[in-house]
Amino acid sequence: MQILDILPGTTKWLFLIAVVAFYAIGWVAWRVQNDCMMRGYGAVATTFWSVGTLFCFFPVFPVYLLLRRKMGVKRTFGAADSTQAAVLQVLCLKCGQDTPADLTACVHCGQPLAAADAPSAIGSAACMVCGAQNPIGSQTCSSCGQWL
């Protein structure tokens, strides 16, 4: 006698379909987890989307597909990354905009930048993905494009 012989005929097939569906949804949740990690999500967001996909597949997975481009940055590796150098920014005290530190005047308002104006995080927000400083009120990171 086999294990599935204790189930009636129709129930046996429903049980097998449920097992296959659970494994398929588990595979999709694993793919969502890998996609989250590749896009640079934090541990909490990665856990939320992968576990949410596993246990609440139909409401969570379509929402993830709709929002994933706005929430994360797809990381690219190769020659493009090695040619980009981080540009140190200085906050202009007159207009509040970031200006490259190697310039002597603000590119937005023309205010001369004092030697005492050191690059700082005052009036700027750090990107959670790459750590670049961005002016307060920016919607996306000036360095990597991540939504702030």
C-alpha atoms as a PDB file:
ATOM      1  CA  MET A   1       0.000   0.000   0.000  1.00  0.00           C
ATOM      2  CA  GLN A   2       1.353   3.438  -0.982  1.00  0.00           C
ATOM      3  CA  ILE A   3       0.941   6.677   0.944  1.00  0.00           C
ATOM      4  CA  LEU A   4      -1.484   8.269  -1.515  1.00  0.00           C
ATOM      5  CA  ASP A   5      -3.742   5.192  -1.590  1.00  0.00           C
ATOM      6  CA  ILE A   6      -5.472   6.367   1.587  1.00  0.00           C
ATOM      7  CA  LEU A   7      -6.878   9.404  -0.306  1.00  0.00           C
ATOM      8  CA  PRO A   8     -10.003   9.053  -2.481  1.00  0.00           C
ATOM      9  CA  GLY A   9      -9.477   9.289  -6.285  1.00  0.00           C
ATOM     10  CA  THR A  10     -10.251  12.981  -6.880  1.00  0.00           C
ATOM     11  CA  THR A  11      -8.583  14.142  -3.674  1.00  0.00           C
ATOM     12  CA  LYS A  12      -5.369  12.387  -4.697  1.00  0.00           C
ATOM     13  CA  TRP A  13      -5.110  14.486  -7.852  1.00  0.00           C
ATOM     14  CA  LEU A  14      -5.975  17.694  -6.009  1.00  0.00           C
ATOM     15  CA  PHE A  15      -3.261  16.925  -3.474  1.00  0.00           C
ATOM     16  CA  LEU A  16      -0.681  16.364  -6.223  1.00  0.00           C
ATOM     17  CA  ILE A  17      -1.693  19.599  -7.986  1.00  0.00           C
ATOM     18  CA  ALA A  18      -1.417  21.511  -4.685  1.00  0.00           C
ATOM     19  CA  VAL A  19       2.090  20.124  -4.075  1.00  0.00           C
ATOM     20  CA  VAL A  20       3.248  21.081  -7.577  1.00  0.00           C
ATOM     21  CA  ALA A  21       1.690  24.573  -7.200  1.00  0.00           C
ATOM     22  CA  PHE A  22       3.414  25.110  -3.843  1.00  0.00           C
ATOM     23  CA  TYR A  23       6.801  24.184  -5.294  1.00  0.00           C
ATOM     24  CA  ALA A  24       6.207  26.467  -8.297  1.00  0.00           C
ATOM     25  CA  ILE A  25       5.283  29.394  -6.033  1.00  0.00           C
ATOM     26  CA  GLY A  26       8.340  28.619  -3.885  1.00  0.00           C
ATOM     27  CA  TRP A  27      10.527  28.840  -6.979  1.00  0.00           C
ATOM     28  CA  VAL A  28       8.970  32.216  -7.903  1.00  0.00           C
ATOM     29  CA  ALA A  29       9.587  33.476  -4.336  1.00  0.00           C
ATOM     30  CA  TRP A  30      13.220  32.386  -4.614  1.00  0.00           C
ATOM     31  CA  ARG A  31      13.527  34.312  -7.910  1.00  0.00           C
ATOM     32  CA  VAL A  32      11.963  37.397  -6.274  1.00  0.00           C
ATOM     33  CA  GLN A  33      14.518  37.152  -3.452  1.00  0.00           C
ATOM     34  CA  ASN A  34      17.407  37.000  -5.945  1.00  0.00           C
ATOM     35  CA  ASP A  35      15.955  39.932  -7.909  1.00  0.00           C
ATOM     36  CA  CYS A  36      15.630  42.002  -4.720  1.00  0.00           C
ATOM     37  CA  MET A  37      19.236  41.319  -3.756  1.00  0.00           C
ATOM     38  CA  MET A  38      20.456  42.152  -7.277  1.00  0.00           C
ATOM     39  CA  ARG A  39      18.542  45.464  -7.202  1.00  0.00           C
ATOM     40  CA  GLY A  40      20.160  46.440  -3.897  1.00  0.00           C
ATOM     41  CA  TYR A  41      17.153  46.194  -1.562  1.00  0.00           C
ATOM     42  CA  GLY A  42      17.841  45.963   2.146  1.00  0.00           C
ATOM     43  CA  ALA A  43      17.395  42.763   4.155  1.00  0.00           C
ATOM     44  CA  VAL A  44      13.947  43.764   5.425  1.00  0.00           C
ATOM     45  CA  ALA A  45      12.585  44.602   1.964  1.00  0.00           C
ATOM     46  CA  THR A  46      14.054  41.435   0.463  1.00  0.00           C
ATOM     47  CA  THR A  47      12.473  39.318   3.204  1.00  0.00           C
ATOM     48  CA  PHE A  48       9.134  41.113   2.872  1.00  0.00           C
ATOM     49  CA  TRP A  49       8.846  40.585  -0.881  1.00  0.00           C
ATOM     50  CA  SER A  50      10.088  36.978  -0.942  1.00  0.00           C
ATOM     51  CA  VAL A  51       8.039  35.757   2.052  1.00  0.00           C
ATOM     52  CA  GLY A  52       5.036  37.784   0.886  1.00  0.00           C
ATOM     53  CA  THR A  53       5.282  36.136  -2.520  1.00  0.00           C
ATOM     54  CA  LEU A  54       5.511  32.699  -0.930  1.00  0.00           C
ATOM     55  CA  PHE A  55       2.508  32.994   1.373  1.00  0.00           C
ATOM     56  CA  CYS A  56       0.313  35.617  -0.381  1.00  0.00           C
ATOM     57  CA  PHE A  57       1.261  34.984  -4.001  1.00  0.00           C
ATOM     58  CA  PHE A  58      -1.691  36.489  -5.877  1.00  0.00           C
ATOM     59  CA  PRO A  59      -1.873  39.905  -4.182  1.00  0.00           C
ATOM     60  CA  VAL A  60       1.875  40.397  -3.518  1.00  0.00           C
ATOM     61  CA  PHE A  61       3.622  39.168  -6.676  1.00  0.00           C
ATOM     62  CA  PRO A  62       1.750  41.425  -9.172  1.00  0.00           C
ATOM     63  CA  VAL A  63       2.366  44.446  -6.913  1.00  0.00           C
ATOM     64  CA  TYR A  64       6.062  43.565  -6.760  1.00  0.00           C
ATOM     65  CA  LEU A  65       6.222  43.386 -10.554  1.00  0.00           C
ATOM     66  CA  LEU A  66       4.581  46.818 -10.846  1.00  0.00           C
ATOM     67  CA  LEU A  67       6.737  48.552  -8.226  1.00  0.00           C
ATOM     68  CA  ARG A  68      10.152  46.932  -8.585  1.00  0.00           C
ATOM     69  CA  ARG A  69      11.490  49.414 -11.158  1.00  0.00           C
ATOM     70  CA  LYS A  70      10.641  52.365  -8.919  1.00  0.00           C
ATOM     71  CA  MET A  71      11.953  50.852  -5.683  1.00  0.00           C
ATOM     72  CA  GLY A  72      15.376  49.548  -6.564  1.00  0.00           C
ATOM     73  CA  VAL A  73      18.328  49.995  -8.844  1.00  0.00           C
ATOM     74  CA  LYS A  74      19.452  47.163 -11.037  1.00  0.00           C
ATOM     75  CA  ARG A  75      23.166  46.902 -10.445  1.00  0.00           C
ATOM     76  CA  THR A  76      25.399  46.562 -13.448  1.00  0.00           C
ATOM     77  CA  PHE A  77      28.881  45.175 -13.362  1.00  0.00           C
ATOM     78  CA  GLY A  78      31.690  45.653 -15.831  1.00  0.00           C
ATOM     79  CA  ALA A  79      33.601  48.409 -17.576  1.00  0.00           C
ATOM     80  CA  ALA A  80      30.870  51.036 -17.119  1.00  0.00           C
ATOM     81  CA  ASP A  81      31.294  51.017 -13.346  1.00  0.00           C
ATOM     82  CA  SER A  82      35.059  51.315 -13.436  1.00  0.00           C
ATOM     83  CA  THR A  83      34.946  54.492 -15.570  1.00  0.00           C
ATOM     84  CA  GLN A  84      32.556  56.344 -13.259  1.00  0.00           C
ATOM     85  CA  ALA A  85      34.263  58.196 -10.437  1.00  0.00           C
ATOM     86  CA  ALA A  86      32.458  59.631  -7.451  1.00  0.00           C
ATOM     87  CA  VAL A  87      32.341  63.430  -7.583  1.00  0.00           C
ATOM     88  CA  LEU A  88      32.585  65.137  -4.208  1.00  0.00           C
ATOM     89  CA  GLN A  89      29.779  67.689  -3.797  1.00  0.00           C
ATOM     90  CA  VAL A  90      29.695  70.954  -1.846  1.00  0.00           C
ATOM     91  CA  LEU A  91      26.439  72.449  -0.597  1.00  0.00           C
ATOM     92  CA  CYS A  92      25.941  76.066  -1.675  1.00  0.00           C
ATOM     93  CA  LEU A  93      24.910  78.130   1.339  1.00  0.00           C
ATOM     94  CA  LYS A  94      22.877  80.577  -0.784  1.00  0.00           C
ATOM     95  CA  CYS A  95      20.672  78.321  -2.934  1.00  0.00           C
ATOM     96  CA  GLY A  96      21.106  74.966  -1.151  1.00  0.00           C
ATOM     97  CA  GLN A  97      22.100  73.059  -4.286  1.00  0.00           C
ATOM     98  CA  ASP A  98      25.039  70.656  -4.584  1.00  0.00           C
ATOM     99  CA  THR A  99      28.005  71.792  -6.657  1.00  0.00           C
ATOM    100  CA  PRO A 100      31.102  69.765  -7.565  1.00  0.00           C
ATOM    101  CA  ALA A 101      33.809  70.457  -4.972  1.00  0.00           C
ATOM    102  CA  ASP A 102      36.477  71.278  -7.556  1.00  0.00           C
ATOM    103  CA  LEU A 103      34.597  74.413  -8.736  1.00  0.00           C
ATOM    104  CA  THR A 104      35.008  77.829  -7.147  1.00  0.00           C
ATOM    105  CA  ALA A 105      31.427  79.072  -7.716  1.00  0.00           C
ATOM    106  CA  CYS A 106      27.971  77.500  -7.530  1.00  0.00           C
ATOM    107  CA  VAL A 107      26.730  76.299 -10.935  1.00  0.00           C
ATOM    108  CA  HIS A 108      23.130  77.180 -10.011  1.00  0.00           C
ATOM    109  CA  CYS A 109      23.327  80.714  -8.569  1.00  0.00           C
ATOM    110  CA  GLY A 110      26.933  81.820  -9.188  1.00  0.00           C
ATOM    111  CA  GLN A 111      27.673  82.396  -5.495  1.00  0.00           C
ATOM    112  CA  PRO A 112      31.433  82.049  -4.820  1.00  0.00           C
ATOM    113  CA  LEU A 113      32.132  78.997  -2.703  1.00  0.00           C
ATOM    114  CA  ALA A 114      34.212  79.804   0.362  1.00  0.00           C
ATOM    115  CA  ALA A 115      37.211  77.670   1.244  1.00  0.00           C
ATOM    116  CA  ALA A 116      35.485  76.890   4.537  1.00  0.00           C
ATOM    117  CA  ASP A 117      32.583  75.246   2.700  1.00  0.00           C
ATOM    118  CA  ALA A 118      33.568  71.651   3.170  1.00  0.00           C
ATOM    119  CA  PRO A 119      31.561  68.823   1.685  1.00  0.00           C
ATOM    120  CA  SER A 120      28.980  67.956   4.271  1.00  0.00           C
ATOM    121  CA  ALA A 121      25.634  66.267   4.731  1.00  0.00           C
ATOM    122  CA  ILE A 122      23.855  69.459   5.892  1.00  0.00           C
ATOM    123  CA  GLY A 123      20.841  69.996   3.673  1.00  0.00           C
ATOM    124  CA  SER A 124      21.328  66.719   1.864  1.00  0.00           C
ATOM    125  CA  ALA A 125      20.059  63.174   2.066  1.00  0.00           C
ATOM    126  CA  ALA A 126      22.196  60.072   1.671  1.00  0.00           C
ATOM    127  CA  CYS A 127      21.141  57.479  -0.911  1.00  0.00           C
ATOM    128  CA  MET A 128      20.381  54.131   0.749  1.00  0.00           C
ATOM    129  CA  VAL A 129      21.922  52.190  -2.155  1.00  0.00           C
ATOM    130  CA  CYS A 130      25.172  53.983  -3.029  1.00  0.00           C
ATOM    131  CA  GLY A 131      25.563  56.463  -0.132  1.00  0.00           C
ATOM    132  CA  ALA A 132      25.857  59.563  -2.350  1.00  0.00           C
ATOM    133  CA  GLN A 133      24.670  62.878  -0.878  1.00  0.00           C
ATOM    134  CA  ASN A 134      21.666  64.445  -2.658  1.00  0.00           C
ATOM    135  CA  PRO A 135      19.928  67.802  -2.113  1.00  0.00           C
ATOM    136  CA  ILE A 136      16.868  67.750   0.118  1.00  0.00           C
ATOM    137  CA  GLY A 137      13.776  67.489  -2.074  1.00  0.00           C
ATOM    138  CA  SER A 138      15.406  65.363  -4.783  1.00  0.00           C
ATOM    139  CA  GLN A 139      13.278  62.444  -5.871  1.00  0.00           C
ATOM    140  CA  THR A 140      16.105  60.330  -7.277  1.00  0.00           C
ATOM    141  CA  CYS A 141      19.783  59.902  -6.473  1.00  0.00           C
ATOM    142  CA  SER A 142      22.076  61.956  -8.701  1.00  0.00           C
ATOM    143  CA  SER A 143      24.645  59.160  -8.696  1.00  0.00           C
ATOM    144  CA  CYS A 144      22.739  55.899  -9.195  1.00  0.00           C
ATOM    145  CA  GLY A 145      19.126  56.878  -9.969  1.00  0.00           C
ATOM    146  CA  GLN A 146      17.592  55.177  -6.888  1.00  0.00           C
ATOM    147  CA  TRP A 147      14.268  56.637  -5.689  1.00  0.00           C
ATOM    148  CA  LEU A 148      14.860  58.544  -2.444  1.00  0.00           C
END
